Amino acid sequence: MLDTAAGGDYYDRLLADYTERRDVLLKALEGTDLEVSPPDGTYFVMTRCPGDDVAYVRDLISDRRVAAIPASVFFSEPARGRGLVRFAFCKRVETLRAAGQRL
């Protein structure tokens, strides 16, 4: 069992830091054509994009210089994940803000 009493400040700060990162990314994604699903307990945000996820991510990287992962690559049957794009917010807040401006 994890003893959080000794590291309570650490875990409180970790939660606050990742909550801030999540909120920065969610706010940035609000202004896009993506349908956003806020996460419940991970540092990934899953979205639904119009069209093909692989092409969408390819364009996102080349046109906006923002990296994401086409979720279809995680499925044994890629068609089941088509249209899903995963963003990670385990980045520096400055990095997330810069990505948000480019989105």
PDB file of N, CA and C in Angstrom:
ATOM      1  N   MET A   1       0.837  -1.177   0.000  1.00  0.00           N
ATOM      2  CA  MET A   1       0.000   0.000   0.000  1.00  0.00           C
ATOM      3  C   MET A   1       0.886   1.245   0.000  1.00  0.00           C
ATOM      4  N   LEU A   2       0.500   2.248  -0.749  1.00  0.00           N
ATOM      5  CA  LEU A   2       1.263   3.475  -0.878  1.00  0.00           C
ATOM      6  C   LEU A   2       0.987   4.389   0.308  1.00  0.00           C
ATOM      7  N   ASP A   3       2.048   4.811   0.976  1.00  0.00           N
ATOM      8  CA  ASP A   3       1.925   5.733   2.102  1.00  0.00           C
ATOM      9  C   ASP A   3       2.042   7.156   1.565  1.00  0.00           C
ATOM     10  N   THR A   4       0.904   7.833   1.447  1.00  0.00           N
ATOM     11  CA  THR A   4       0.919   9.192   0.906  1.00  0.00           C
ATOM     12  C   THR A   4       1.106  10.239   1.985  1.00  0.00           C
ATOM     13  N   ALA A   5       1.078   9.847   3.253  1.00  0.00           N
ATOM     14  CA  ALA A   5       1.230  10.818   4.345  1.00  0.00           C
ATOM     15  C   ALA A   5       2.586  11.513   4.260  1.00  0.00           C
ATOM     16  N   ALA A   6       3.642  10.741   4.035  1.00  0.00           N
ATOM     17  CA  ALA A   6       4.985  11.313   3.968  1.00  0.00           C
ATOM     18  C   ALA A   6       5.163  12.156   2.712  1.00  0.00           C
ATOM     19  N   GLY A   7       4.514  11.791   1.637  1.00  0.00           N
ATOM     20  CA  GLY A   7       4.674  12.506   0.375  1.00  0.00           C
ATOM     21  C   GLY A   7       3.441  13.288  -0.020  1.00  0.00           C
ATOM     22  N   GLY A   8       2.607  13.604   0.949  1.00  0.00           N
ATOM     23  CA  GLY A   8       1.350  14.295   0.658  1.00  0.00           C
ATOM     24  C   GLY A   8       1.535  15.560  -0.142  1.00  0.00           C
ATOM     25  N   ASP A   9       2.519  16.368   0.220  1.00  0.00           N
ATOM     26  CA  ASP A   9       2.767  17.598  -0.526  1.00  0.00           C
ATOM     27  C   ASP A   9       3.150  17.293  -1.968  1.00  0.00           C
ATOM     28  N   TYR A  10       3.947  16.260  -2.151  1.00  0.00           N
ATOM     29  CA  TYR A  10       4.358  15.864  -3.501  1.00  0.00           C
ATOM     30  C   TYR A  10       3.140  15.505  -4.346  1.00  0.00           C
ATOM     31  N   TYR A  11       2.263  14.674  -3.805  1.00  0.00           N
ATOM     32  CA  TYR A  11       1.102  14.217  -4.558  1.00  0.00           C
ATOM     33  C   TYR A  11       0.096  15.341  -4.775  1.00  0.00           C
ATOM     34  N   ASP A  12      -0.044  16.219  -3.812  1.00  0.00           N
ATOM     35  CA  ASP A  12      -0.924  17.375  -3.986  1.00  0.00           C
ATOM     36  C   ASP A  12      -0.411  18.257  -5.123  1.00  0.00           C
ATOM     37  N   ARG A  13       0.893  18.479  -5.162  1.00  0.00           N
ATOM     38  CA  ARG A  13       1.504  19.307  -6.211  1.00  0.00           C
ATOM     39  C   ARG A  13       1.396  18.616  -7.572  1.00  0.00           C
ATOM     40  N   LEU A  14       1.616  17.307  -7.589  1.00  0.00           N
ATOM     41  CA  LEU A  14       1.503  16.538  -8.831  1.00  0.00           C
ATOM     42  C   LEU A  14       0.089  16.658  -9.398  1.00  0.00           C
ATOM     43  N   LEU A  15      -0.904  16.504  -8.534  1.00  0.00           N
ATOM     44  CA  LEU A  15      -2.295  16.629  -8.969  1.00  0.00           C
ATOM     45  C   LEU A  15      -2.566  18.032  -9.509  1.00  0.00           C
ATOM     46  N   ALA A  16      -2.113  19.047  -8.800  1.00  0.00           N
ATOM     47  CA  ALA A  16      -2.325  20.428  -9.243  1.00  0.00           C
ATOM     48  C   ALA A  16      -1.629  20.694 -10.576  1.00  0.00           C
ATOM     49  N   ASP A  17      -0.404  20.215 -10.715  1.00  0.00           N
ATOM     50  CA  ASP A  17       0.344  20.426 -11.956  1.00  0.00           C
ATOM     51  C   ASP A  17      -0.346  19.783 -13.154  1.00  0.00           C
ATOM     52  N   TYR A  18      -0.791  18.544 -12.999  1.00  0.00           N
ATOM     53  CA  TYR A  18      -1.425  17.859 -14.120  1.00  0.00           C
ATOM     54  C   TYR A  18      -2.836  18.376 -14.384  1.00  0.00           C
ATOM     55  N   THR A  19      -3.509  18.865 -13.368  1.00  0.00           N
ATOM     56  CA  THR A  19      -4.810  19.498 -13.577  1.00  0.00           C
ATOM     57  C   THR A  19      -4.630  20.763 -14.411  1.00  0.00           C
ATOM     58  N   GLU A  20      -3.600  21.540 -14.101  1.00  0.00           N
ATOM     59  CA  GLU A  20      -3.307  22.745 -14.883  1.00  0.00           C
ATOM     60  C   GLU A  20      -2.993  22.379 -16.329  1.00  0.00           C
ATOM     61  N   ARG A  21      -2.154  21.389 -16.526  1.00  0.00           N
ATOM     62  CA  ARG A  21      -1.781  20.966 -17.884  1.00  0.00           C
ATOM     63  C   ARG A  21      -3.011  20.501 -18.664  1.00  0.00           C
ATOM     64  N   ARG A  22      -3.839  19.699 -18.017  1.00  0.00           N
ATOM     65  CA  ARG A  22      -5.069  19.212 -18.670  1.00  0.00           C
ATOM     66  C   ARG A  22      -5.946  20.387 -19.086  1.00  0.00           C
ATOM     67  N   ASP A  23      -6.134  21.336 -18.179  1.00  0.00           N
ATOM     68  CA  ASP A  23      -7.003  22.472 -18.469  1.00  0.00           C
ATOM     69  C   ASP A  23      -6.469  23.342 -19.597  1.00  0.00           C
ATOM     70  N   VAL A  24      -5.144  23.521 -19.654  1.00  0.00           N
ATOM     71  CA  VAL A  24      -4.536  24.293 -20.740  1.00  0.00           C
ATOM     72  C   VAL A  24      -4.809  23.606 -22.078  1.00  0.00           C
ATOM     73  N   LEU A  25      -4.623  22.299 -22.135  1.00  0.00           N
ATOM     74  CA  LEU A  25      -4.865  21.577 -23.388  1.00  0.00           C
ATOM     75  C   LEU A  25      -6.343  21.582 -23.758  1.00  0.00           C
ATOM     76  N   LEU A  26      -7.218  21.334 -22.796  1.00  0.00           N
ATOM     77  CA  LEU A  26      -8.653  21.331 -23.100  1.00  0.00           C
ATOM     78  C   LEU A  26      -9.105  22.681 -23.638  1.00  0.00           C
ATOM     79  N   LYS A  27      -8.626  23.765 -23.050  1.00  0.00           N
ATOM     80  CA  LYS A  27      -8.985  25.103 -23.525  1.00  0.00           C
ATOM     81  C   LYS A  27      -8.498  25.308 -24.958  1.00  0.00           C
ATOM     82  N   ALA A  28      -7.291  24.847 -25.259  1.00  0.00           N
ATOM     83  CA  ALA A  28      -6.751  24.980 -26.608  1.00  0.00           C
ATOM     84  C   ALA A  28      -7.579  24.183 -27.616  1.00  0.00           C
ATOM     85  N   LEU A  29      -8.036  23.034 -27.221  1.00  0.00           N
ATOM     86  CA  LEU A  29      -8.798  22.177 -28.130  1.00  0.00           C
ATOM     87  C   LEU A  29     -10.224  22.668 -28.347  1.00  0.00           C
ATOM     88  N   GLU A  30     -10.733  23.508 -27.442  1.00  0.00           N
ATOM     89  CA  GLU A  30     -12.094  24.038 -27.574  1.00  0.00           C
ATOM     90  C   GLU A  30     -12.302  24.768 -28.893  1.00  0.00           C
ATOM     91  N   GLY A  31     -11.292  25.463 -29.368  1.00  0.00           N
ATOM     92  CA  GLY A  31     -11.428  26.265 -30.575  1.00  0.00           C
ATOM     93  C   GLY A  31     -11.150  25.522 -31.865  1.00  0.00           C
ATOM     94  N   THR A  32     -11.086  24.214 -31.815  1.00  0.00           N
ATOM     95  CA  THR A  32     -10.779  23.423 -33.016  1.00  0.00           C
ATOM     96  C   THR A  32     -12.028  22.722 -33.533  1.00  0.00           C
ATOM     97  N   ASP A  33     -11.866  21.986 -34.607  1.00  0.00           N
ATOM     98  CA  ASP A  33     -12.974  21.210 -35.170  1.00  0.00           C
ATOM     99  C   ASP A  33     -13.069  19.815 -34.549  1.00  0.00           C
ATOM    100  N   LEU A  34     -12.367  19.610 -33.434  1.00  0.00           N
ATOM    101  CA  LEU A  34     -12.354  18.302 -32.774  1.00  0.00           C
ATOM    102  C   LEU A  34     -13.457  18.204 -31.723  1.00  0.00           C
ATOM    103  N   GLU A  35     -14.026  17.031 -31.615  1.00  0.00           N
ATOM    104  CA  GLU A  35     -14.960  16.727 -30.523  1.00  0.00           C
ATOM    105  C   GLU A  35     -14.110  16.181 -29.384  1.00  0.00           C
ATOM    106  N   VAL A  36     -14.119  16.874 -28.253  1.00  0.00           N
ATOM    107  CA  VAL A  36     -13.206  16.565 -27.154  1.00  0.00           C
ATOM    108  C   VAL A  36     -13.915  15.787 -26.052  1.00  0.00           C
ATOM    109  N   SER A  37     -13.216  14.790 -25.537  1.00  0.00           N
ATOM    110  CA  SER A  37     -13.698  14.014 -24.403  1.00  0.00           C
ATOM    111  C   SER A  37     -12.703  14.191 -23.256  1.00  0.00           C
ATOM    112  N   PRO A  38     -13.052  14.991 -22.237  1.00  0.00           N
ATOM    113  CA  PRO A  38     -12.121  15.213 -21.119  1.00  0.00           C
ATOM    114  C   PRO A  38     -11.790  13.900 -20.403  1.00  0.00           C
ATOM    115  N   PRO A  39     -10.531  13.732 -20.016  1.00  0.00           N
ATOM    116  CA  PRO A  39     -10.129  12.481 -19.356  1.00  0.00           C
ATOM    117  C   PRO A  39     -10.563  12.432 -17.897  1.00  0.00           C
ATOM    118  N   ASP A  40     -10.741  11.220 -17.401  1.00  0.00           N
ATOM    119  CA  ASP A  40     -11.078  11.018 -15.993  1.00  0.00           C
ATOM    120  C   ASP A  40      -9.865  10.662 -15.148  1.00  0.00           C
ATOM    121  N   GLY A  41      -8.813  10.115 -15.742  1.00  0.00           N
ATOM    122  CA  GLY A  41      -7.691   9.698 -14.915  1.00  0.00           C
ATOM    123  C   GLY A  41      -6.452   9.325 -15.693  1.00  0.00           C
ATOM    124  N   THR A  42      -6.124  10.101 -16.689  1.00  0.00           N
ATOM    125  CA  THR A  42      -4.947   9.839 -17.500  1.00  0.00           C
ATOM    126  C   THR A  42      -4.386  11.171 -17.974  1.00  0.00           C
ATOM    127  N   TYR A  43      -3.199  11.164 -18.558  1.00  0.00           N
ATOM    128  CA  TYR A  43      -2.681  12.413 -19.103  1.00  0.00           C
ATOM    129  C   TYR A  43      -2.802  12.455 -20.621  1.00  0.00           C
ATOM    130  N   PHE A  44      -3.842  11.820 -21.119  1.00  0.00           N
ATOM    131  CA  PHE A  44      -4.187  11.871 -22.534  1.00  0.00           C
ATOM    132  C   PHE A  44      -5.587  12.445 -22.684  1.00  0.00           C
ATOM    133  N   VAL A  45      -5.796  13.188 -23.758  1.00  0.00           N
ATOM    134  CA  VAL A  45      -7.132  13.652 -24.121  1.00  0.00           C
ATOM    135  C   VAL A  45      -7.476  12.996 -25.443  1.00  0.00           C
ATOM    136  N   MET A  46      -8.599  12.306 -25.463  1.00  0.00           N
ATOM    137  CA  MET A  46      -9.056  11.650 -26.681  1.00  0.00           C
ATOM    138  C   MET A  46     -10.068  12.564 -27.367  1.00  0.00           C
ATOM    139  N   THR A  47      -9.899  12.698 -28.677  1.00  0.00           N
ATOM    140  CA  THR A  47     -10.798  13.540 -29.459  1.00  0.00           C
ATOM    141  C   THR A  47     -11.295  12.770 -30.671  1.00  0.00           C
ATOM    142  N   ARG A  48     -12.359  13.282 -31.249  1.00  0.00           N
ATOM    143  CA  ARG A  48     -12.857  12.733 -32.508  1.00  0.00           C
ATOM    144  C   ARG A  48     -12.647  13.808 -33.566  1.00  0.00           C
ATOM    145  N   CYS A  49     -12.019  13.415 -34.663  1.00  0.00           N
ATOM    146  CA  CYS A  49     -11.745  14.366 -35.734  1.00  0.00           C
ATOM    147  C   CYS A  49     -12.658  14.089 -36.924  1.00  0.00           C
ATOM    148  N   PRO A  50     -12.845  15.106 -37.758  1.00  0.00           N
ATOM    149  CA  PRO A  50     -13.588  14.860 -38.992  1.00  0.00           C
ATOM    150  C   PRO A  50     -12.689  14.090 -39.964  1.00  0.00           C
ATOM    151  N   GLY A  51     -13.167  13.021 -40.500  1.00  0.00           N
ATOM    152  CA  GLY A  51     -12.385  12.274 -41.484  1.00  0.00           C
ATOM    153  C   GLY A  51     -11.424  11.276 -40.880  1.00  0.00           C
ATOM    154  N   ASP A  52     -10.395  10.996 -41.640  1.00  0.00           N
ATOM    155  CA  ASP A  52      -9.413   9.973 -41.287  1.00  0.00           C
ATOM    156  C   ASP A  52      -8.425  10.499 -40.244  1.00  0.00           C
ATOM    157  N   ASP A  53      -8.239   9.752 -39.173  1.00  0.00           N
ATOM    158  CA  ASP A  53      -7.348  10.189 -38.086  1.00  0.00           C
ATOM    159  C   ASP A  53      -5.889  10.261 -38.507  1.00  0.00           C
ATOM    160  N   VAL A  54      -5.428   9.340 -39.328  1.00  0.00           N
ATOM    161  CA  VAL A  54      -4.028   9.341 -39.754  1.00  0.00           C
ATOM    162  C   VAL A  54      -3.748  10.580 -40.600  1.00  0.00           C
ATOM    163  N   ALA A  55      -4.614  10.874 -41.546  1.00  0.00           N
ATOM    164  CA  ALA A  55      -4.442  12.062 -42.395  1.00  0.00           C
ATOM    165  C   ALA A  55      -4.568  13.332 -41.559  1.00  0.00           C
ATOM    166  N   TYR A  56      -5.502  13.337 -40.620  1.00  0.00           N
ATOM    167  CA  TYR A  56      -5.695  14.513 -39.771  1.00  0.00           C
ATOM    168  C   TYR A  56      -4.422  14.814 -38.976  1.00  0.00           C
ATOM    169  N   VAL A  57      -3.847  13.790 -38.363  1.00  0.00           N
ATOM    170  CA  VAL A  57      -2.629  13.976 -37.568  1.00  0.00           C
ATOM    171  C   VAL A  57      -1.460  14.377 -38.458  1.00  0.00           C
ATOM    172  N   ARG A  58      -1.361  13.773 -39.614  1.00  0.00           N
ATOM    173  CA  ARG A  58      -0.287  14.130 -40.553  1.00  0.00           C
ATOM    174  C   ARG A  58      -0.369  15.623 -40.902  1.00  0.00           C
ATOM    175  N   ASP A  59      -1.575  16.106 -41.187  1.00  0.00           N
ATOM    176  CA  ASP A  59      -1.764  17.523 -41.497  1.00  0.00           C
ATOM    177  C   ASP A  59      -1.504  18.400 -40.275  1.00  0.00           C
ATOM    178  N   LEU A  60      -1.927  17.950 -39.116  1.00  0.00           N
ATOM    179  CA  LEU A  60      -1.718  18.698 -37.878  1.00  0.00           C
ATOM    180  C   LEU A  60      -0.224  18.915 -37.629  1.00  0.00           C
ATOM    181  N   ILE A  61       0.550  17.879 -37.846  1.00  0.00           N
ATOM    182  CA  ILE A  61       2.000  17.973 -37.638  1.00  0.00           C
ATOM    183  C   ILE A  61       2.646  18.881 -38.682  1.00  0.00           C
ATOM    184  N   SER A  62       2.302  18.690 -39.940  1.00  0.00           N
ATOM    185  CA  SER A  62       2.964  19.478 -40.994  1.00  0.00           C
ATOM    186  C   SER A  62       2.465  20.917 -41.057  1.00  0.00           C
ATOM    187  N   ASP A  63       1.173  21.152 -40.837  1.00  0.00           N
ATOM    188  CA  ASP A  63       0.615  22.497 -40.974  1.00  0.00           C
ATOM    189  C   ASP A  63       0.699  23.324 -39.692  1.00  0.00           C
ATOM    190  N   ARG A  64       0.484  22.672 -38.551  1.00  0.00           N
ATOM    191  CA  ARG A  64       0.410  23.396 -37.273  1.00  0.00           C
ATOM    192  C   ARG A  64       1.592  23.143 -36.351  1.00  0.00           C
ATOM    193  N   ARG A  65       2.404  22.148 -36.707  1.00  0.00           N
ATOM    194  CA  ARG A  65       3.548  21.744 -35.873  1.00  0.00           C
ATOM    195  C   ARG A  65       3.108  21.326 -34.468  1.00  0.00           C
ATOM    196  N   VAL A  66       1.991  20.602 -34.414  1.00  0.00           N
ATOM    197  CA  VAL A  66       1.473  20.050 -33.164  1.00  0.00           C
ATOM    198  C   VAL A  66       1.379  18.544 -33.339  1.00  0.00           C
ATOM    199  N   ALA A  67       1.978  17.813 -32.417  1.00  0.00           N
ATOM    200  CA  ALA A  67       1.980  16.354 -32.514  1.00  0.00           C
ATOM    201  C   ALA A  67       0.798  15.755 -31.771  1.00  0.00           C
ATOM    202  N   ALA A  68       0.247  14.736 -32.348  1.00  0.00           N
ATOM    203  CA  ALA A  68      -0.818  13.936 -31.746  1.00  0.00           C
ATOM    204  C   ALA A  68      -0.646  12.525 -32.290  1.00  0.00           C
ATOM    205  N   ILE A  69      -1.461  11.617 -31.813  1.00  0.00           N
ATOM    206  CA  ILE A  69      -1.351  10.223 -32.235  1.00  0.00           C
ATOM    207  C   ILE A  69      -2.684   9.774 -32.825  1.00  0.00           C
ATOM    208  N   PRO A  70      -2.677   9.252 -34.052  1.00  0.00           N
ATOM    209  CA  PRO A  70      -3.917   8.703 -34.599  1.00  0.00           C
ATOM    210  C   PRO A  70      -4.253   7.423 -33.812  1.00  0.00           C
ATOM    211  N   ALA A  71      -5.389   7.424 -33.167  1.00  0.00           N
ATOM    212  CA  ALA A  71      -5.720   6.315 -32.260  1.00  0.00           C
ATOM    213  C   ALA A  71      -5.943   4.997 -32.977  1.00  0.00           C
ATOM    214  N   SER A  72      -6.202   5.032 -34.262  1.00  0.00           N
ATOM    215  CA  SER A  72      -6.421   3.769 -34.985  1.00  0.00           C
ATOM    216  C   SER A  72      -5.205   2.858 -34.918  1.00  0.00           C
ATOM    217  N   VAL A  73      -4.015   3.410 -34.664  1.00  0.00           N
ATOM    218  CA  VAL A  73      -2.813   2.580 -34.582  1.00  0.00           C
ATOM    219  C   VAL A  73      -2.826   1.671 -33.350  1.00  0.00           C
ATOM    220  N   PHE A  74      -3.680   1.951 -32.386  1.00  0.00           N
ATOM    221  CA  PHE A  74      -3.753   1.143 -31.171  1.00  0.00           C
ATOM    222  C   PHE A  74      -4.726  -0.031 -31.290  1.00  0.00           C
ATOM    223  N   PHE A  75      -5.458  -0.108 -32.372  1.00  0.00           N
ATOM    224  CA  PHE A  75      -6.479  -1.132 -32.542  1.00  0.00           C
ATOM    225  C   PHE A  75      -5.966  -2.261 -33.430  1.00  0.00           C
ATOM    226  N   SER A  76      -6.294  -3.504 -33.065  1.00  0.00           N
ATOM    227  CA  SER A  76      -5.931  -4.620 -33.931  1.00  0.00           C
ATOM    228  C   SER A  76      -6.713  -4.547 -35.238  1.00  0.00           C
ATOM    229  N   GLU A  77      -7.881  -3.933 -35.192  1.00  0.00           N
ATOM    230  CA  GLU A  77      -8.664  -3.627 -36.386  1.00  0.00           C
ATOM    231  C   GLU A  77      -8.711  -2.102 -36.477  1.00  0.00           C
ATOM    232  N   PRO A  78      -7.780  -1.485 -37.195  1.00  0.00           N
ATOM    233  CA  PRO A  78      -7.676  -0.027 -37.224  1.00  0.00           C
ATOM    234  C   PRO A  78      -8.975   0.703 -37.542  1.00  0.00           C
ATOM    235  N   ALA A  79      -9.847   0.094 -38.293  1.00  0.00           N
ATOM    236  CA  ALA A  79     -11.112   0.747 -38.633  1.00  0.00           C
ATOM    237  C   ALA A  79     -11.930   1.088 -37.386  1.00  0.00           C
ATOM    238  N   ARG A  80     -11.750   0.328 -36.317  1.00  0.00           N
ATOM    239  CA  ARG A  80     -12.501   0.583 -35.081  1.00  0.00           C
ATOM    240  C   ARG A  80     -12.043   1.869 -34.387  1.00  0.00           C
ATOM    241  N   GLY A  81     -10.826   2.318 -34.687  1.00  0.00           N
ATOM    242  CA  GLY A  81     -10.317   3.540 -34.078  1.00  0.00           C
ATOM    243  C   GLY A  81     -10.279   4.727 -35.025  1.00  0.00           C
ATOM    244  N   ARG A  82     -10.790   4.557 -36.233  1.00  0.00           N
ATOM    245  CA  ARG A  82     -10.763   5.639 -37.212  1.00  0.00           C
ATOM    246  C   ARG A  82     -11.495   6.862 -36.674  1.00  0.00           C
ATOM    247  N   GLY A  83     -10.884   8.004 -36.893  1.00  0.00           N
ATOM    248  CA  GLY A  83     -11.504   9.255 -36.476  1.00  0.00           C
ATOM    249  C   GLY A  83     -11.157   9.683 -35.066  1.00  0.00           C
ATOM    250  N   LEU A  84     -10.348   8.882 -34.352  1.00  0.00           N
ATOM    251  CA  LEU A  84      -9.959   9.232 -32.986  1.00  0.00           C
ATOM    252  C   LEU A  84      -8.506   9.714 -32.968  1.00  0.00           C
ATOM    253  N   VAL A  85      -8.278  10.794 -32.249  1.00  0.00           N
ATOM    254  CA  VAL A  85      -6.941  11.377 -32.138  1.00  0.00           C
ATOM    255  C   VAL A  85      -6.626  11.572 -30.662  1.00  0.00           C
ATOM    256  N   ARG A  86      -5.426  11.173 -30.270  1.00  0.00           N
ATOM    257  CA  ARG A  86      -5.018  11.261 -28.860  1.00  0.00           C
ATOM    258  C   ARG A  86      -3.926  12.317 -28.689  1.00  0.00           C
ATOM    259  N   PHE A  87      -4.143  13.216 -27.736  1.00  0.00           N
ATOM    260  CA  PHE A  87      -3.176  14.243 -27.370  1.00  0.00           C
ATOM    261  C   PHE A  87      -2.668  13.945 -25.960  1.00  0.00           C
ATOM    262  N   ALA A  88      -1.405  14.195 -25.717  1.00  0.00           N
ATOM    263  CA  ALA A  88      -0.814  14.001 -24.391  1.00  0.00           C
ATOM    264  C   ALA A  88      -0.552  15.363 -23.757  1.00  0.00           C
ATOM    265  N   PHE A  89      -0.861  15.486 -22.464  1.00  0.00           N
ATOM    266  CA  PHE A  89      -0.556  16.746 -21.786  1.00  0.00           C
ATOM    267  C   PHE A  89       0.504  16.584 -20.699  1.00  0.00           C
ATOM    268  N   CYS A  90       1.315  15.539 -20.800  1.00  0.00           N
ATOM    269  CA  CYS A  90       2.448  15.348 -19.886  1.00  0.00           C
ATOM    270  C   CYS A  90       3.651  16.104 -20.451  1.00  0.00           C
ATOM    271  N   LYS A  91       3.432  17.370 -20.656  1.00  0.00           N
ATOM    272  CA  LYS A  91       4.428  18.286 -21.240  1.00  0.00           C
ATOM    273  C   LYS A  91       4.535  19.506 -20.341  1.00  0.00           C
ATOM    274  N   ARG A  92       5.526  20.344 -20.598  1.00  0.00           N
ATOM    275  CA  ARG A  92       5.618  21.610 -19.875  1.00  0.00           C
ATOM    276  C   ARG A  92       4.427  22.490 -20.252  1.00  0.00           C
ATOM    277  N   VAL A  93       3.952  23.274 -19.308  1.00  0.00           N
ATOM    278  CA  VAL A  93       2.814  24.152 -19.559  1.00  0.00           C
ATOM    279  C   VAL A  93       3.114  25.093 -20.732  1.00  0.00           C
ATOM    280  N   GLU A  94       4.342  25.582 -20.810  1.00  0.00           N
ATOM    281  CA  GLU A  94       4.727  26.481 -21.907  1.00  0.00           C
ATOM    282  C   GLU A  94       4.587  25.784 -23.265  1.00  0.00           C
ATOM    283  N   THR A  95       4.946  24.519 -23.304  1.00  0.00           N
ATOM    284  CA  THR A  95       4.825  23.736 -24.537  1.00  0.00           C
ATOM    285  C   THR A  95       3.363  23.597 -24.925  1.00  0.00           C
ATOM    286  N   LEU A  96       2.501  23.327 -23.961  1.00  0.00           N
ATOM    287  CA  LEU A  96       1.071  23.179 -24.222  1.00  0.00           C
ATOM    288  C   LEU A  96       0.463  24.500 -24.686  1.00  0.00           C
ATOM    289  N   ARG A  97       0.882  25.583 -24.070  1.00  0.00           N
ATOM    290  CA  ARG A  97       0.359  26.903 -24.484  1.00  0.00           C
ATOM    291  C   ARG A  97       0.793  27.240 -25.915  1.00  0.00           C
ATOM    292  N   ALA A  98       2.039  26.936 -26.240  1.00  0.00           N
ATOM    293  CA  ALA A  98       2.534  27.193 -27.601  1.00  0.00           C
ATOM    294  C   ALA A  98       1.751  26.348 -28.614  1.00  0.00           C
ATOM    295  N   ALA A  99       1.500  25.097 -28.279  1.00  0.00           N
ATOM    296  CA  ALA A  99       0.707  24.239 -29.156  1.00  0.00           C
ATOM    297  C   ALA A  99      -0.700  24.790 -29.305  1.00  0.00           C
ATOM    298  N   GLY A 100      -1.263  25.272 -28.212  1.00  0.00           N
ATOM    299  CA  GLY A 100      -2.604  25.863 -28.252  1.00  0.00           C
ATOM    300  C   GLY A 100      -2.676  27.059 -29.178  1.00  0.00           C
ATOM    301  N   GLN A 101      -1.649  27.882 -29.188  1.00  0.00           N
ATOM    302  CA  GLN A 101      -1.616  29.037 -30.097  1.00  0.00           C
ATOM    303  C   GLN A 101      -1.544  28.592 -31.544  1.00  0.00           C
ATOM    304  N   ARG A 102      -0.832  27.503 -31.804  1.00  0.00           N
ATOM    305  CA  ARG A 102      -0.716  27.004 -33.176  1.00  0.00           C
ATOM    306  C   ARG A 102      -1.973  26.280 -33.641  1.00  0.00           C
ATOM    307  N   LEU A 103      -2.748  25.782 -32.692  1.00  0.00           N
ATOM    308  CA  LEU A 103      -3.991  25.118 -33.083  1.00  0.00           C
ATOM    309  C   LEU A 103      -5.010  26.137 -33.558  1.00  0.00           C
TER     310      LEU A 103
END
